[in-house]
Full PDB file with SEQRES, HELIX, SHEET, SSBOND, CRYST1, ORIGX, SCALE, CONECT and MASTER records, all heavy atoms in Angstrom:
SEQRES   1 A   42  ARG PHE THR ASN ALA HIS GLU THR LEU ILE TRP ALA ALA          
SEQRES   2 A   42  LYS SER ALA GLU GLN LYS SER TYR THR PHE ASN TYR GLU          
SEQRES   3 A   42  ALA MET LYS ALA LEU ASN GLU GLU VAL GLN MET ARG SER          
SEQRES   4 A   42  ASP TRP THR                                                  
HELIX    1 AA1 TYR A   25  LEU A   31  1                                   7    
CRYST1    1.000    1.000    1.000  90.00  90.00  90.00 P 1           1          
ORIGX1      1.000000  0.000000  0.000000        0.00000                         
ORIGX2      0.000000  1.000000  0.000000        0.00000                         
ORIGX3      0.000000  0.000000  1.000000        0.00000                         
SCALE1      1.000000  0.000000  0.000000        0.00000                         
SCALE2      0.000000  1.000000  0.000000        0.00000                         
SCALE3      0.000000  0.000000  1.000000        0.00000                         
ATOM      1  N   ARG A   1       0.855  -1.187   0.000  1.00  0.00           N  
ATOM      2  CA  ARG A   1       0.000   0.000   0.000  1.00  0.00           C  
ATOM      3  C   ARG A   1       0.894   1.242   0.000  1.00  0.00           C  
ATOM      4  O   ARG A   1       2.094   1.150   0.207  1.00  0.00           O  
ATOM      5  CB  ARG A   1      -0.898   0.052   1.246  1.00  0.00           C  
ATOM      6  CG  ARG A   1      -1.826  -1.124   1.420  1.00  0.00           C  
ATOM      7  CD  ARG A   1      -2.710  -0.923   2.628  1.00  0.00           C  
ATOM      8  NE  ARG A   1      -3.548  -2.080   2.901  1.00  0.00           N  
ATOM      9  CZ  ARG A   1      -4.438  -2.135   3.879  1.00  0.00           C  
ATOM     10  NH1 ARG A   1      -4.597  -1.089   4.676  1.00  0.00           N  
ATOM     11  NH2 ARG A   1      -5.164  -3.212   4.066  1.00  0.00           N  
ATOM     12  N   PHE A   2       0.261   2.411  -0.203  1.00  0.00           N  
ATOM     13  CA  PHE A   2       0.992   3.664  -0.042  1.00  0.00           C  
ATOM     14  C   PHE A   2       1.406   3.822   1.419  1.00  0.00           C  
ATOM     15  O   PHE A   2       0.725   3.340   2.328  1.00  0.00           O  
ATOM     16  CB  PHE A   2       0.115   4.854  -0.439  1.00  0.00           C  
ATOM     17  CG  PHE A   2      -0.301   4.864  -1.883  1.00  0.00           C  
ATOM     18  CD1 PHE A   2      -1.629   4.652  -2.230  1.00  0.00           C  
ATOM     19  CD2 PHE A   2       0.624   5.086  -2.897  1.00  0.00           C  
ATOM     20  CE1 PHE A   2      -2.027   4.676  -3.552  1.00  0.00           C  
ATOM     21  CE2 PHE A   2       0.238   5.103  -4.225  1.00  0.00           C  
ATOM     22  CZ  PHE A   2      -1.086   4.888  -4.558  1.00  0.00           C  
ATOM     23  N   THR A   3       2.492   4.507   1.653  1.00  0.00           N  
ATOM     24  CA  THR A   3       2.867   4.846   3.020  1.00  0.00           C  
ATOM     25  C   THR A   3       1.779   5.719   3.636  1.00  0.00           C  
ATOM     26  O   THR A   3       1.372   6.729   3.049  1.00  0.00           O  
ATOM     27  CB  THR A   3       4.201   5.622   3.040  1.00  0.00           C  
ATOM     28  OG1 THR A   3       5.235   4.781   2.532  1.00  0.00           O  
ATOM     29  CG2 THR A   3       4.553   6.075   4.446  1.00  0.00           C  
ATOM     30  N   ASN A   4       1.295   5.322   4.784  1.00  0.00           N  
ATOM     31  CA  ASN A   4       0.242   6.078   5.461  1.00  0.00           C  
ATOM     32  C   ASN A   4       0.878   7.276   6.163  1.00  0.00           C  
ATOM     33  O   ASN A   4       1.345   7.169   7.293  1.00  0.00           O  
ATOM     34  CB  ASN A   4      -0.482   5.173   6.464  1.00  0.00           C  
ATOM     35  CG  ASN A   4      -1.676   5.867   7.096  1.00  0.00           C  
ATOM     36  OD1 ASN A   4      -2.237   6.783   6.505  1.00  0.00           O  
ATOM     37  ND2 ASN A   4      -2.046   5.444   8.287  1.00  0.00           N  
ATOM     38  N   ALA A   5       0.903   8.421   5.476  1.00  0.00           N  
ATOM     39  CA  ALA A   5       1.694   9.565   5.929  1.00  0.00           C  
ATOM     40  C   ALA A   5       0.870  10.708   6.511  1.00  0.00           C  
ATOM     41  O   ALA A   5       1.404  11.790   6.721  1.00  0.00           O  
ATOM     42  CB  ALA A   5       2.538  10.090   4.763  1.00  0.00           C  
ATOM     43  N   HIS A   6      -0.413  10.482   6.762  1.00  0.00           N  
ATOM     44  CA  HIS A   6      -1.199  11.571   7.307  1.00  0.00           C  
ATOM     45  C   HIS A   6      -2.295  11.047   8.229  1.00  0.00           C  
ATOM     46  O   HIS A   6      -2.647   9.867   8.199  1.00  0.00           O  
ATOM     47  CB  HIS A   6      -1.844  12.397   6.183  1.00  0.00           C  
ATOM     48  CG  HIS A   6      -3.047  11.741   5.571  1.00  0.00           C  
ATOM     49  ND1 HIS A   6      -2.966  10.783   4.599  1.00  0.00           N  
ATOM     50  CD2 HIS A   6      -4.384  11.912   5.817  1.00  0.00           C  
ATOM     51  CE1 HIS A   6      -4.181  10.387   4.255  1.00  0.00           C  
ATOM     52  NE2 HIS A   6      -5.057  11.061   4.990  1.00  0.00           N  
ATOM     53  N   GLU A   7      -2.817  11.947   9.049  1.00  0.00           N  
ATOM     54  CA  GLU A   7      -4.027  11.710   9.813  1.00  0.00           C  
ATOM     55  C   GLU A   7      -4.963  12.887   9.550  1.00  0.00           C  
ATOM     56  O   GLU A   7      -4.536  13.946   9.082  1.00  0.00           O  
ATOM     57  CB  GLU A   7      -3.727  11.557  11.312  1.00  0.00           C  
ATOM     58  CG  GLU A   7      -2.940  10.289  11.611  1.00  0.00           C  
ATOM     59  CD  GLU A   7      -2.720  10.041  13.100  1.00  0.00           C  
ATOM     60  OE1 GLU A   7      -3.575  10.487  13.903  1.00  0.00           O  
ATOM     61  OE2 GLU A   7      -1.699   9.425  13.444  1.00  0.00           O  
ATOM     62  N   THR A   8      -6.237  12.700   9.849  1.00  0.00           N  
ATOM     63  CA  THR A   8      -7.242  13.720   9.575  1.00  0.00           C  
ATOM     64  C   THR A   8      -7.854  14.227  10.871  1.00  0.00           C  
ATOM     65  O   THR A   8      -8.186  13.443  11.761  1.00  0.00           O  
ATOM     66  CB  THR A   8      -8.353  13.153   8.669  1.00  0.00           C  
ATOM     67  OG1 THR A   8      -7.772  12.714   7.436  1.00  0.00           O  
ATOM     68  CG2 THR A   8      -9.417  14.206   8.381  1.00  0.00           C  
ATOM     69  N   LEU A   9      -7.975  15.540  10.978  1.00  0.00           N  
ATOM     70  CA  LEU A   9      -8.677  16.161  12.091  1.00  0.00           C  
ATOM     71  C   LEU A   9      -9.963  16.790  11.568  1.00  0.00           C  
ATOM     72  O   LEU A   9      -9.961  17.407  10.494  1.00  0.00           O  
ATOM     73  CB  LEU A   9      -7.837  17.251  12.758  1.00  0.00           C  
ATOM     74  CG  LEU A   9      -6.509  16.841  13.390  1.00  0.00           C  
ATOM     75  CD1 LEU A   9      -5.366  17.095  12.424  1.00  0.00           C  
ATOM     76  CD2 LEU A   9      -6.269  17.613  14.690  1.00  0.00           C  
ATOM     77  N   ILE A  10     -11.042  16.636  12.303  1.00  0.00           N  
ATOM     78  CA  ILE A  10     -12.300  17.313  12.001  1.00  0.00           C  
ATOM     79  C   ILE A  10     -12.509  18.393  13.053  1.00  0.00           C  
ATOM     80  O   ILE A  10     -12.423  18.135  14.258  1.00  0.00           O  
ATOM     81  CB  ILE A  10     -13.486  16.337  12.011  1.00  0.00           C  
ATOM     82  CG1 ILE A  10     -13.326  15.287  10.902  1.00  0.00           C  
ATOM     83  CG2 ILE A  10     -14.808  17.097  11.826  1.00  0.00           C  
ATOM     84  CD1 ILE A  10     -14.396  14.204  10.939  1.00  0.00           C  
ATOM     85  N   TRP A  11     -12.756  19.602  12.580  1.00  0.00           N  
ATOM     86  CA  TRP A  11     -13.073  20.726  13.466  1.00  0.00           C  
ATOM     87  C   TRP A  11     -14.543  21.057  13.245  1.00  0.00           C  
ATOM     88  O   TRP A  11     -14.955  21.333  12.113  1.00  0.00           O  
ATOM     89  CB  TRP A  11     -12.184  21.919  13.126  1.00  0.00           C  
ATOM     90  CG  TRP A  11     -12.450  23.170  13.908  1.00  0.00           C  
ATOM     91  CD1 TRP A  11     -12.862  23.262  15.209  1.00  0.00           C  
ATOM     92  CD2 TRP A  11     -12.313  24.519  13.436  1.00  0.00           C  
ATOM     93  NE1 TRP A  11     -12.994  24.581  15.572  1.00  0.00           N  
ATOM     94  CE2 TRP A  11     -12.658  25.370  14.512  1.00  0.00           C  
ATOM     95  CE3 TRP A  11     -11.929  25.074  12.216  1.00  0.00           C  
ATOM     96  CZ2 TRP A  11     -12.631  26.762  14.391  1.00  0.00           C  
ATOM     97  CZ3 TRP A  11     -11.903  26.461  12.096  1.00  0.00           C  
ATOM     98  CH2 TRP A  11     -12.245  27.284  13.179  1.00  0.00           C  
ATOM     99  N   ALA A  12     -15.327  20.986  14.314  1.00  0.00           N  
ATOM    100  CA  ALA A  12     -16.777  21.153  14.176  1.00  0.00           C  
ATOM    101  C   ALA A  12     -17.333  22.060  15.266  1.00  0.00           C  
ATOM    102  O   ALA A  12     -16.910  22.002  16.423  1.00  0.00           O  
ATOM    103  CB  ALA A  12     -17.473  19.799  14.237  1.00  0.00           C  
ATOM    104  N   ALA A  13     -18.286  22.908  14.874  1.00  0.00           N  
ATOM    105  CA  ALA A  13     -19.046  23.688  15.839  1.00  0.00           C  
ATOM    106  C   ALA A  13     -20.095  22.778  16.479  1.00  0.00           C  
ATOM    107  O   ALA A  13     -20.410  21.699  15.966  1.00  0.00           O  
ATOM    108  CB  ALA A  13     -19.714  24.873  15.152  1.00  0.00           C  
ATOM    109  N   LYS A  14     -20.652  23.237  17.589  1.00  0.00           N  
ATOM    110  CA  LYS A  14     -21.638  22.416  18.299  1.00  0.00           C  
ATOM    111  C   LYS A  14     -22.903  22.222  17.470  1.00  0.00           C  
ATOM    112  O   LYS A  14     -23.531  21.167  17.524  1.00  0.00           O  
ATOM    113  CB  LYS A  14     -21.968  23.066  19.644  1.00  0.00           C  
ATOM    114  CG  LYS A  14     -22.893  22.229  20.516  1.00  0.00           C  
ATOM    115  CD  LYS A  14     -23.103  22.885  21.870  1.00  0.00           C  
ATOM    116  CE  LYS A  14     -24.035  22.058  22.733  1.00  0.00           C  
ATOM    117  NZ  LYS A  14     -24.255  22.678  24.068  1.00  0.00           N  
ATOM    118  N   SER A  15     -23.260  23.236  16.664  1.00  0.00           N  
ATOM    119  CA  SER A  15     -24.467  23.118  15.850  1.00  0.00           C  
ATOM    120  C   SER A  15     -24.384  24.059  14.661  1.00  0.00           C  
ATOM    121  O   SER A  15     -23.591  25.011  14.638  1.00  0.00           O  
ATOM    122  CB  SER A  15     -25.718  23.437  16.671  1.00  0.00           C  
ATOM    123  OG  SER A  15     -25.790  24.826  16.927  1.00  0.00           O  
ATOM    124  N   ALA A  16     -25.240  23.804  13.667  1.00  0.00           N  
ATOM    125  CA  ALA A  16     -25.291  24.659  12.479  1.00  0.00           C  
ATOM    126  C   ALA A  16     -25.856  26.038  12.818  1.00  0.00           C  
ATOM    127  O   ALA A  16     -25.553  27.022  12.137  1.00  0.00           O  
ATOM    128  CB  ALA A  16     -26.141  24.003  11.406  1.00  0.00           C  
ATOM    129  N   GLU A  17     -26.678  26.129  13.859  1.00  0.00           N  
ATOM    130  CA  GLU A  17     -27.298  27.393  14.243  1.00  0.00           C  
ATOM    131  C   GLU A  17     -26.401  28.244  15.127  1.00  0.00           C  
ATOM    132  O   GLU A  17     -26.757  29.366  15.504  1.00  0.00           O  
ATOM    133  CB  GLU A  17     -28.620  27.135  14.987  1.00  0.00           C  
ATOM    134  CG  GLU A  17     -29.698  26.472  14.146  1.00  0.00           C  
ATOM    135  CD  GLU A  17     -29.449  24.988  13.925  1.00  0.00           C  
ATOM    136  OE1 GLU A  17     -28.842  24.352  14.814  1.00  0.00           O  
ATOM    137  OE2 GLU A  17     -29.824  24.468  12.854  1.00  0.00           O  
ATOM    138  N   GLN A  18     -25.237  27.736  15.455  1.00  0.00           N  
ATOM    139  CA  GLN A  18     -24.333  28.414  16.380  1.00  0.00           C  
ATOM    140  C   GLN A  18     -23.940  29.796  15.843  1.00  0.00           C  
ATOM    141  O   GLN A  18     -23.482  29.933  14.718  1.00  0.00           O  
ATOM    142  CB  GLN A  18     -23.082  27.548  16.567  1.00  0.00           C  
ATOM    143  CG  GLN A  18     -22.171  27.966  17.694  1.00  0.00           C  
ATOM    144  CD  GLN A  18     -21.174  26.873  18.022  1.00  0.00           C  
ATOM    145  OE1 GLN A  18     -21.501  25.686  17.981  1.00  0.00           O  
ATOM    146  NE2 GLN A  18     -19.951  27.257  18.347  1.00  0.00           N  
ATOM    147  N   LYS A  19     -24.110  30.819  16.662  1.00  0.00           N  
ATOM    148  CA  LYS A  19     -23.861  32.184  16.209  1.00  0.00           C  
ATOM    149  C   LYS A  19     -22.388  32.566  16.271  1.00  0.00           C  
ATOM    150  O   LYS A  19     -21.936  33.453  15.546  1.00  0.00           O  
ATOM    151  CB  LYS A  19     -24.685  33.163  17.048  1.00  0.00           C  
ATOM    152  CG  LYS A  19     -26.190  33.008  16.841  1.00  0.00           C  
ATOM    153  CD  LYS A  19     -26.971  34.028  17.649  1.00  0.00           C  
ATOM    154  CE  LYS A  19     -28.463  33.892  17.400  1.00  0.00           C  
ATOM    155  NZ  LYS A  19     -29.246  34.876  18.199  1.00  0.00           N  
ATOM    156  N   SER A  20     -21.626  31.924  17.151  1.00  0.00           N  
ATOM    157  CA  SER A  20     -20.222  32.302  17.271  1.00  0.00           C  
ATOM    158  C   SER A  20     -19.397  31.111  17.754  1.00  0.00           C  
ATOM    159  O   SER A  20     -19.902  30.203  18.412  1.00  0.00           O  
ATOM    160  CB  SER A  20     -20.061  33.470  18.245  1.00  0.00           C  
ATOM    161  OG  SER A  20     -20.430  33.085  19.559  1.00  0.00           O  
ATOM    162  N   TYR A  21     -18.149  31.128  17.387  1.00  0.00           N  
ATOM    163  CA  TYR A  21     -17.158  30.177  17.887  1.00  0.00           C  
ATOM    164  C   TYR A  21     -15.812  30.873  17.792  1.00  0.00           C  
ATOM    165  O   TYR A  21     -15.656  31.865  17.058  1.00  0.00           O  
ATOM    166  CB  TYR A  21     -17.158  28.870  17.083  1.00  0.00           C  
ATOM    167  CG  TYR A  21     -16.941  29.060  15.603  1.00  0.00           C  
ATOM    168  CD1 TYR A  21     -15.666  29.117  15.049  1.00  0.00           C  
ATOM    169  CD2 TYR A  21     -18.035  29.200  14.735  1.00  0.00           C  
ATOM    170  CE1 TYR A  21     -15.484  29.310  13.695  1.00  0.00           C  
ATOM    171  CE2 TYR A  21     -17.850  29.388  13.381  1.00  0.00           C  
ATOM    172  CZ  TYR A  21     -16.577  29.443  12.865  1.00  0.00           C  
ATOM    173  OH  TYR A  21     -16.384  29.644  11.519  1.00  0.00           O  
ATOM    174  N   THR A  22     -14.835  30.394  18.524  1.00  0.00           N  
ATOM    175  CA  THR A  22     -13.533  31.049  18.537  1.00  0.00           C  
ATOM    176  C   THR A  22     -12.673  30.566  17.381  1.00  0.00           C  
ATOM    177  O   THR A  22     -12.492  29.361  17.199  1.00  0.00           O  
ATOM    178  CB  THR A  22     -12.799  30.769  19.868  1.00  0.00           C  
ATOM    179  OG1 THR A  22     -13.564  31.319  20.944  1.00  0.00           O  
ATOM    180  CG2 THR A  22     -11.418  31.402  19.870  1.00  0.00           C  
ATOM    181  N   PHE A  23     -12.181  31.518  16.607  1.00  0.00           N  
ATOM    182  CA  PHE A  23     -11.155  31.223  15.603  1.00  0.00           C  
ATOM    183  C   PHE A  23     -10.201  32.401  15.564  1.00  0.00           C  
ATOM    184  O   PHE A  23     -10.567  33.497  15.136  1.00  0.00           O  
ATOM    185  CB  PHE A  23     -11.752  30.982  14.220  1.00  0.00           C  
ATOM    186  CG  PHE A  23     -10.696  30.721  13.167  1.00  0.00           C  
ATOM    187  CD1 PHE A  23      -9.666  29.834  13.405  1.00  0.00           C  
ATOM    188  CD2 PHE A  23     -10.746  31.373  11.949  1.00  0.00           C  
ATOM    189  CE1 PHE A  23      -8.688  29.590  12.451  1.00  0.00           C  
ATOM    190  CE2 PHE A  23      -9.775  31.132  10.970  1.00  0.00           C  
ATOM    191  CZ  PHE A  23      -8.741  30.241  11.232  1.00  0.00           C  
ATOM    192  N   ASN A  24      -8.986  32.193  16.032  1.00  0.00           N  
ATOM    193  CA  ASN A  24      -7.986  33.250  16.078  1.00  0.00           C  
ATOM    194  C   ASN A  24      -7.247  33.313  14.739  1.00  0.00           C  
ATOM    195  O   ASN A  24      -6.089  32.912  14.611  1.00  0.00           O  
ATOM    196  CB  ASN A  24      -7.028  32.998  17.238  1.00  0.00           C  
ATOM    197  CG  ASN A  24      -7.740  33.046  18.577  1.00  0.00           C  
ATOM    198  OD1 ASN A  24      -8.569  33.917  18.822  1.00  0.00           O  
ATOM    199  ND2 ASN A  24      -7.440  32.103  19.447  1.00  0.00           N  
ATOM    200  N   TYR A  25      -7.958  33.846  13.752  1.00  0.00           N  
ATOM    201  CA  TYR A  25      -7.443  33.878  12.385  1.00  0.00           C  
ATOM    202  C   TYR A  25      -6.118  34.629  12.296  1.00  0.00           C  
ATOM    203  O   TYR A  25      -5.162  34.155  11.677  1.00  0.00           O  
ATOM    204  CB  TYR A  25      -8.479  34.533  11.467  1.00  0.00           C  
ATOM    205  CG  TYR A  25      -7.957  34.865  10.093  1.00  0.00           C  
ATOM    206  CD1 TYR A  25      -7.884  33.894   9.102  1.00  0.00           C  
ATOM    207  CD2 TYR A  25      -7.533  36.158   9.774  1.00  0.00           C  
ATOM    208  CE1 TYR A  25      -7.398  34.194   7.828  1.00  0.00           C  
ATOM    209  CE2 TYR A  25      -7.047  36.464   8.520  1.00  0.00           C  
ATOM    210  CZ  TYR A  25      -6.980  35.485   7.550  1.00  0.00           C  
ATOM    211  OH  TYR A  25      -6.485  35.777   6.310  1.00  0.00           O  
ATOM    212  N   GLU A  26      -6.054  35.808  12.894  1.00  0.00           N  
ATOM    213  CA  GLU A  26      -4.841  36.614  12.800  1.00  0.00           C  
ATOM    214  C   GLU A  26      -3.666  35.924  13.492  1.00  0.00           C  
ATOM    215  O   GLU A  26      -2.518  36.023  13.036  1.00  0.00           O  
ATOM    216  CB  GLU A  26      -5.069  38.002  13.416  1.00  0.00           C  
ATOM    217  CG  GLU A  26      -6.117  38.841  12.706  1.00  0.00           C  
ATOM    218  CD  GLU A  26      -5.692  39.244  11.299  1.00  0.00           C  
ATOM    219  OE1 GLU A  26      -4.493  39.174  10.995  1.00  0.00           O  
ATOM    220  OE2 GLU A  26      -6.580  39.628  10.506  1.00  0.00           O  
ATOM    221  N   ALA A  27      -3.938  35.207  14.588  1.00  0.00           N  
ATOM    222  CA  ALA A  27      -2.868  34.475  15.275  1.00  0.00           C  
ATOM    223  C   ALA A  27      -2.328  33.347  14.409  1.00  0.00           C  
ATOM    224  O   ALA A  27      -1.120  33.098  14.358  1.00  0.00           O  
ATOM    225  CB  ALA A  27      -3.385  33.925  16.607  1.00  0.00           C  
ATOM    226  N   MET A  28      -3.217  32.649  13.713  1.00  0.00           N  
ATOM    227  CA  MET A  28      -2.788  31.585  12.818  1.00  0.00           C  
ATOM    228  C   MET A  28      -1.985  32.150  11.643  1.00  0.00           C  
ATOM    229  O   MET A  28      -0.993  31.553  11.202  1.00  0.00           O  
ATOM    230  CB  MET A  28      -3.995  30.813  12.284  1.00  0.00           C  
ATOM    231  CG  MET A  28      -4.691  29.941  13.306  1.00  0.00           C  
ATOM    232  SD  MET A  28      -3.652  28.560  13.896  1.00  0.00           S  
ATOM    233  CE  MET A  28      -3.001  29.270  15.429  1.00  0.00           C  
ATOM    234  N   LYS A  29      -2.389  33.301  11.168  1.00  0.00           N  
ATOM    235  CA  LYS A  29      -1.663  33.941  10.073  1.00  0.00           C  
ATOM    236  C   LYS A  29      -0.274  34.365  10.543  1.00  0.00           C  
ATOM    237  O   LYS A  29       0.721  34.182   9.828  1.00  0.00           O  
ATOM    238  CB  LYS A  29      -2.460  35.146   9.572  1.00  0.00           C  
ATOM    239  CG  LYS A  29      -1.939  35.760   8.283  1.00  0.00           C  
ATOM    240  CD  LYS A  29      -2.876  36.862   7.803  1.00  0.00           C  
ATOM    241  CE  LYS A  29      -2.331  37.515   6.536  1.00  0.00           C  
ATOM    242  NZ  LYS A  29      -3.228  38.610   6.072  1.00  0.00           N  
ATOM    243  N   ALA A  30      -0.196  34.922  11.752  1.00  0.00           N  
ATOM    244  CA  ALA A  30       1.093  35.323  12.312  1.00  0.00           C  
ATOM    245  C   ALA A  30       2.003  34.119  12.520  1.00  0.00           C  
ATOM    246  O   ALA A  30       3.218  34.179  12.272  1.00  0.00           O  
ATOM    247  CB  ALA A  30       0.880  36.060  13.635  1.00  0.00           C  
ATOM    248  N   LEU A  31       1.416  33.008  12.962  1.00  0.00           N  
ATOM    249  CA  LEU A  31       2.187  31.781  13.185  1.00  0.00           C  
ATOM    250  C   LEU A  31       2.760  31.244  11.878  1.00  0.00           C  
ATOM    251  O   LEU A  31       3.766  30.529  11.871  1.00  0.00           O  
ATOM    252  CB  LEU A  31       1.280  30.729  13.832  1.00  0.00           C  
ATOM    253  CG  LEU A  31       1.922  29.522  14.501  1.00  0.00           C  
ATOM    254  CD1 LEU A  31       2.716  29.947  15.732  1.00  0.00           C  
ATOM    255  CD2 LEU A  31       0.869  28.505  14.901  1.00  0.00           C  
ATOM    256  N   ASN A  32       2.130  31.621  10.762  1.00  0.00           N  
ATOM    257  CA  ASN A  32       2.498  31.109   9.445  1.00  0.00           C  
ATOM    258  C   ASN A  32       3.172  32.182   8.581  1.00  0.00           C  
ATOM    259  O   ASN A  32       2.995  32.213   7.364  1.00  0.00           O  
ATOM    260  CB  ASN A  32       1.232  30.592   8.742  1.00  0.00           C  
ATOM    261  CG  ASN A  32       1.547  29.630   7.614  1.00  0.00           C  
ATOM    262  OD1 ASN A  32       2.449  28.813   7.710  1.00  0.00           O  
ATOM    263  ND2 ASN A  32       0.786  29.727   6.535  1.00  0.00           N  
ATOM    264  N   GLU A  33       3.941  33.082   9.225  1.00  0.00           N  
ATOM    265  CA  GLU A  33       4.689  34.135   8.538  1.00  0.00           C  
ATOM    266  C   GLU A  33       3.788  35.016   7.668  1.00  0.00           C  
ATOM    267  O   GLU A  33       4.087  35.322   6.511  1.00  0.00           O  
ATOM    268  CB  GLU A  33       5.839  33.552   7.708  1.00  0.00           C  
ATOM    269  CG  GLU A  33       6.926  32.907   8.555  1.00  0.00           C  
ATOM    270  CD  GLU A  33       8.165  32.542   7.763  1.00  0.00           C  
ATOM    271  OE1 GLU A  33       8.062  32.375   6.528  1.00  0.00           O  
ATOM    272  OE2 GLU A  33       9.228  32.451   8.385  1.00  0.00           O  
ATOM    273  N   GLU A  34       2.654  35.422   8.276  1.00  0.00           N  
ATOM    274  CA  GLU A  34       1.710  36.349   7.654  1.00  0.00           C  
ATOM    275  C   GLU A  34       1.054  35.812   6.381  1.00  0.00           C  
ATOM    276  O   GLU A  34       0.585  36.583   5.539  1.00  0.00           O  
ATOM    277  CB  GLU A  34       2.377  37.708   7.363  1.00  0.00           C  
ATOM    278  CG  GLU A  34       2.806  38.451   8.624  1.00  0.00           C  
ATOM    279  CD  GLU A  34       1.675  38.635   9.625  1.00  0.00           C  
ATOM    280  OE1 GLU A  34       0.537  38.906   9.190  1.00  0.00           O  
ATOM    281  OE2 GLU A  34       1.913  38.481  10.837  1.00  0.00           O  
ATOM    282  N   VAL A  35       1.028  34.503   6.250  1.00  0.00           N  
ATOM    283  CA  VAL A  35       0.305  33.849   5.161  1.00  0.00           C  
ATOM    284  C   VAL A  35      -0.878  33.110   5.769  1.00  0.00           C  
ATOM    285  O   VAL A  35      -0.735  32.434   6.794  1.00  0.00           O  
ATOM    286  CB  VAL A  35       1.201  32.869   4.383  1.00  0.00           C  
ATOM    287  CG1 VAL A  35       0.395  32.165   3.286  1.00  0.00           C  
ATOM    288  CG2 VAL A  35       2.390  33.607   3.775  1.00  0.00           C  
ATOM    289  N   GLN A  36      -2.054  33.206   5.144  1.00  0.00           N  
ATOM    290  CA  GLN A  36      -3.245  32.544   5.668  1.00  0.00           C  
ATOM    291  C   GLN A  36      -2.972  31.060   5.907  1.00  0.00           C  
ATOM    292  O   GLN A  36      -2.461  30.360   5.030  1.00  0.00           O  
ATOM    293  CB  GLN A  36      -4.392  32.720   4.683  1.00  0.00           C  
ATOM    294  CG  GLN A  36      -5.725  32.209   5.189  1.00  0.00           C  
ATOM    295  CD  GLN A  36      -6.828  32.446   4.175  1.00  0.00           C  
ATOM    296  OE1 GLN A  36      -6.851  31.824   3.123  1.00  0.00           O  
ATOM    297  NE2 GLN A  36      -7.743  33.351   4.486  1.00  0.00           N  
ATOM    298  N   MET A  37      -3.305  30.583   7.107  1.00  0.00           N  
ATOM    299  CA  MET A  37      -3.070  29.179   7.456  1.00  0.00           C  
ATOM    300  C   MET A  37      -3.986  28.273   6.641  1.00  0.00           C  
ATOM    301  O   MET A  37      -5.189  28.487   6.562  1.00  0.00           O  
ATOM    302  CB  MET A  37      -3.320  28.959   8.952  1.00  0.00           C  
ATOM    303  CG  MET A  37      -3.022  27.552   9.433  1.00  0.00           C  
ATOM    304  SD  MET A  37      -1.262  27.188   9.571  1.00  0.00           S  
ATOM    305  CE  MET A  37      -0.849  28.073  11.093  1.00  0.00           C  
ATOM    306  N   ARG A  38      -3.389  27.254   6.028  1.00  0.00           N  
ATOM    307  CA  ARG A  38      -4.148  26.306   5.215  1.00  0.00           C  
ATOM    308  C   ARG A  38      -4.600  25.117   6.054  1.00  0.00           C  
ATOM    309  O   ARG A  38      -4.222  24.964   7.210  1.00  0.00           O  
ATOM    310  CB  ARG A  38      -3.276  25.812   4.055  1.00  0.00           C  
ATOM    311  CG  ARG A  38      -2.951  26.887   3.046  1.00  0.00           C  
ATOM    312  CD  ARG A  38      -1.770  26.508   2.160  1.00  0.00           C  
ATOM    313  NE  ARG A  38      -1.737  25.109   1.781  1.00  0.00           N  
ATOM    314  CZ  ARG A  38      -1.658  24.674   0.521  1.00  0.00           C  
ATOM    315  NH1 ARG A  38      -1.644  25.533  -0.481  1.00  0.00           N  
ATOM    316  NH2 ARG A  38      -1.575  23.382   0.258  1.00  0.00           N  
ATOM    317  N   SER A  39      -5.393  24.260   5.424  1.00  0.00           N  
ATOM    318  CA  SER A  39      -5.938  23.100   6.130  1.00  0.00           C  
ATOM    319  C   SER A  39      -5.067  21.855   5.965  1.00  0.00           C  
ATOM    320  O   SER A  39      -5.502  20.757   6.313  1.00  0.00           O  
ATOM    321  CB  SER A  39      -7.355  22.789   5.632  1.00  0.00           C  
ATOM    322  OG  SER A  39      -7.341  22.479   4.256  1.00  0.00           O  
ATOM    323  N   ASP A  40      -3.852  22.006   5.442  1.00  0.00           N  
ATOM    324  CA  ASP A  40      -2.900  20.901   5.448  1.00  0.00           C  
ATOM    325  C   ASP A  40      -1.687  21.327   6.270  1.00  0.00           C  
ATOM    326  O   ASP A  40      -1.030  22.302   5.945  1.00  0.00           O  
ATOM    327  CB  ASP A  40      -2.495  20.489   4.021  1.00  0.00           C  
ATOM    328  CG  ASP A  40      -2.038  21.663   3.166  1.00  0.00           C  
ATOM    329  OD1 ASP A  40      -2.394  22.820   3.493  1.00  0.00           O  
ATOM    330  OD2 ASP A  40      -1.328  21.434   2.179  1.00  0.00           O  
ATOM    331  N   TRP A  41      -1.456  20.611   7.341  1.00  0.00           N  
ATOM    332  CA  TRP A  41      -0.420  20.972   8.302  1.00  0.00           C  
ATOM    333  C   TRP A  41       0.718  19.958   8.228  1.00  0.00           C  
ATOM    334  O   TRP A  41       0.503  18.751   8.413  1.00  0.00           O  
ATOM    335  CB  TRP A  41      -0.982  20.982   9.718  1.00  0.00           C  
ATOM    336  CG  TRP A  41      -2.077  21.963   9.953  1.00  0.00           C  
ATOM    337  CD1 TRP A  41      -2.535  22.922   9.097  1.00  0.00           C  
ATOM    338  CD2 TRP A  41      -2.876  22.084  11.142  1.00  0.00           C  
ATOM    339  NE1 TRP A  41      -3.550  23.633   9.678  1.00  0.00           N  
ATOM    340  CE2 TRP A  41      -3.790  23.151  10.922  1.00  0.00           C  
ATOM    341  CE3 TRP A  41      -2.900  21.406  12.360  1.00  0.00           C  
ATOM    342  CZ2 TRP A  41      -4.714  23.535  11.884  1.00  0.00           C  
ATOM    343  CZ3 TRP A  41      -3.820  21.787  13.318  1.00  0.00           C  
ATOM    344  CH2 TRP A  41      -4.721  22.841  13.087  1.00  0.00           C  
ATOM    345  N   THR A  42       1.921  20.444   7.968  1.00  0.00           N  
ATOM    346  CA  THR A  42       3.088  19.574   7.900  1.00  0.00           C  
ATOM    347  C   THR A  42       3.844  19.667   9.216  1.00  0.00           C  
ATOM    348  O   THR A  42       4.461  20.693   9.521  1.00  0.00           O  
ATOM    349  CB  THR A  42       4.001  19.984   6.728  1.00  0.00           C  
ATOM    350  OG1 THR A  42       3.249  19.932   5.510  1.00  0.00           O  
ATOM    351  CG2 THR A  42       5.187  19.046   6.621  1.00  0.00           C  
TER     352      THR A  42                                                      
MASTER        0    0    0    1    0    0    0    6  351    1    0    4          
END                                                                             
């Protein structure tokens, strides 16, 4: 088989009707040298 080189994380809000949840977008961008953080993490 292919080398199993990844795992998957699911990030989910409690419900579709949820009005707010925490996402520190600017902090993630800063952590990634001012580039928007993508959904593939090496």
